[in-house]
Amino acid sequence: MRALRIGLGAGVVVWTAALFLAPDLMFPVGSFICHQRPERSFFVHGLQLPVCARCTGLYIGAAVAAPVAIVMATMSGAGRARWLLAAAALPTAVTWTTEVAGLAHYSNAARCAAALPLGFVAAWLVLGELRGRR
């Protein structure tokens, strides 16, 4: 399990880095997981990132959490984990819902920032759970 946990953690970090370092090469892969709308995406050196701002936030959050989760155990108890995940999803749920309802329009920076907690907590819980299994 340790090798799987480290491999998954490293994969998240490498994927996130590749989004910024080689967006043109990663763009075809990104099309399988994201709508890639230009107006909802960040651009780096004139190149559109392979995923939208919200997905970028999810991946950055996960990449930050990966090293933490590899060395630290996650909180025990499925009920606590569910509440933590629900709380982390709240900013993304609110921004997405209010946009779809036509009540608000958020910048790409706001979409990204709202997704950071969800990416962080999801990666932390998944990798932490793998740490707890023997």
Protein backbone atom coordinates (compact mmCIF):
# COMPACT_ATOMS: atom_id res chain seq x y z
CA MET A 1 0.00 0.00 0.00
CA ARG A 2 2.88 2.38 0.70
CA ALA A 3 4.08 2.18 -2.90
CA LEU A 4 0.55 2.76 -4.20
CA ARG A 5 0.08 5.76 -1.91
CA ILE A 6 3.40 7.29 -2.95
CA GLY A 7 2.73 6.54 -6.62
CA LEU A 8 -0.70 8.16 -6.53
CA GLY A 9 0.64 11.16 -4.64
CA ALA A 10 3.50 11.60 -7.09
CA GLY A 11 1.10 11.17 -10.01
CA VAL A 12 -1.08 14.02 -8.76
CA VAL A 13 1.92 16.30 -8.40
CA VAL A 14 3.34 15.38 -11.82
CA TRP A 15 -0.06 15.80 -13.53
CA THR A 16 -0.56 19.23 -11.97
CA ALA A 17 2.94 20.34 -12.92
CA ALA A 18 2.42 19.09 -16.49
CA LEU A 19 -0.73 21.20 -16.81
CA PHE A 20 1.41 24.32 -16.36
CA LEU A 21 4.71 23.20 -17.91
CA ALA A 22 3.39 21.51 -21.06
CA PRO A 23 -0.20 22.68 -21.64
CA ASP A 24 -0.03 22.09 -25.39
CA LEU A 25 1.03 18.46 -24.90
CA MET A 26 -1.56 17.83 -22.17
CA PHE A 27 -4.48 19.47 -23.98
CA PRO A 28 -5.73 16.28 -25.71
CA VAL A 29 -5.70 14.40 -22.38
CA GLY A 30 -7.55 17.25 -20.68
CA SER A 31 -10.40 16.94 -23.18
CA PHE A 32 -11.40 13.63 -21.61
CA ILE A 33 -11.98 15.18 -18.19
CA CYS A 34 -12.89 18.84 -18.76
CA HIS A 35 -14.99 21.01 -21.07
CA GLN A 36 -11.91 23.21 -21.77
CA ARG A 37 -13.95 26.35 -22.50
CA PRO A 38 -11.45 29.14 -23.20
CA GLU A 39 -13.42 31.77 -21.27
CA ARG A 40 -13.34 29.49 -18.21
CA SER A 41 -9.65 28.62 -18.44
CA PHE A 42 -6.34 30.16 -17.46
CA PHE A 43 -3.68 30.93 -20.06
CA VAL A 44 0.07 30.57 -19.48
CA HIS A 45 2.40 32.24 -21.96
CA GLY A 46 -0.49 32.52 -24.39
CA LEU A 47 -1.41 28.82 -24.15
CA GLN A 48 -4.71 27.71 -22.66
CA LEU A 49 -4.36 25.28 -19.79
CA PRO A 50 -5.76 21.81 -20.59
CA VAL A 51 -8.43 22.10 -17.89
CA CYS A 52 -10.73 24.90 -16.76
CA ALA A 53 -10.08 27.13 -13.75
CA ARG A 54 -12.28 25.01 -11.45
CA CYS A 55 -10.45 21.80 -12.41
CA THR A 56 -7.14 23.63 -12.04
CA GLY A 57 -8.12 24.46 -8.45
CA LEU A 58 -9.02 20.84 -7.77
CA TYR A 59 -5.66 19.63 -9.06
CA ILE A 60 -3.63 22.29 -7.26
CA GLY A 61 -5.42 21.46 -4.01
CA ALA A 62 -4.74 17.75 -4.52
CA ALA A 63 -1.08 18.37 -5.39
CA VAL A 64 -0.60 20.38 -2.21
CA ALA A 65 -2.34 17.71 -0.12
CA ALA A 66 -0.44 14.74 -1.58
CA PRO A 67 2.85 15.19 0.30
CA VAL A 68 0.96 16.02 3.50
CA ALA A 69 -1.19 12.91 3.20
CA ILE A 70 1.80 10.68 2.52
CA VAL A 71 3.45 11.58 5.81
CA MET A 72 0.40 12.28 7.98
CA ALA A 73 -2.51 10.02 8.79
CA THR A 74 -5.99 11.18 7.91
CA MET A 75 -8.64 11.59 10.57
CA SER A 76 -10.25 8.32 11.48
CA GLY A 77 -13.95 7.73 11.17
CA ALA A 78 -16.01 7.68 8.02
CA GLY A 79 -18.58 10.07 9.46
CA ARG A 80 -15.96 12.74 10.18
CA ALA A 81 -14.45 12.27 6.74
CA ARG A 82 -17.85 12.72 5.07
CA TRP A 83 -18.49 15.95 6.98
CA LEU A 84 -15.05 17.26 6.13
CA LEU A 85 -15.52 16.42 2.45
CA ALA A 86 -18.97 18.04 2.41
CA ALA A 87 -17.59 21.20 4.00
CA ALA A 88 -14.73 21.31 1.50
CA ALA A 89 -17.18 20.86 -1.40
CA LEU A 90 -19.41 23.70 -0.24
CA PRO A 91 -17.53 26.59 -1.95
CA THR A 92 -17.51 24.73 -5.27
CA ALA A 93 -21.17 23.76 -4.90
CA VAL A 94 -22.20 27.33 -4.13
CA THR A 95 -20.26 28.89 -7.01
CA TRP A 96 -21.40 26.26 -9.50
CA THR A 97 -25.05 26.38 -8.42
CA THR A 98 -25.31 30.16 -8.42
CA GLU A 99 -23.66 30.33 -11.85
CA VAL A 100 -25.97 27.71 -13.34
CA ALA A 101 -28.97 29.50 -11.84
CA GLY A 102 -27.79 32.75 -13.41
CA LEU A 103 -27.51 34.47 -10.03
CA ALA A 104 -23.80 35.20 -10.18
CA HIS A 105 -20.81 35.19 -12.48
CA TYR A 106 -17.43 34.36 -10.96
CA SER A 107 -13.96 35.05 -12.23
CA ASN A 108 -11.64 32.19 -13.08
CA ALA A 109 -9.59 33.02 -9.99
CA ALA A 110 -12.72 32.66 -7.82
CA ARG A 111 -13.65 29.34 -9.45
CA CYS A 112 -10.13 28.06 -8.87
CA ALA A 113 -10.03 29.26 -5.26
CA ALA A 114 -13.43 27.70 -4.50
CA ALA A 115 -12.20 24.31 -5.76
CA LEU A 116 -8.92 24.28 -3.79
CA PRO A 117 -10.42 22.95 -0.52
CA LEU A 118 -12.24 20.13 -2.30
CA GLY A 119 -9.11 19.01 -4.14
CA PHE A 120 -7.05 19.18 -0.97
CA VAL A 121 -9.48 17.27 1.24
CA ALA A 122 -10.30 14.62 -1.38
CA ALA A 123 -6.63 13.82 -1.98
CA TRP A 124 -5.84 13.93 1.73
CA LEU A 125 -8.66 11.52 2.56
CA VAL A 126 -7.92 9.08 -0.28
CA LEU A 127 -4.17 8.96 0.31
CA GLY A 128 -4.66 8.96 4.08
CA GLU A 129 -7.04 6.03 3.80
CA LEU A 130 -4.44 4.11 1.83
CA ARG A 131 -1.94 4.90 4.58
CA GLY A 132 -4.25 3.34 7.15
CA ARG A 133 -4.59 0.05 5.23
CA ARG A 134 -2.00 -2.64 5.73
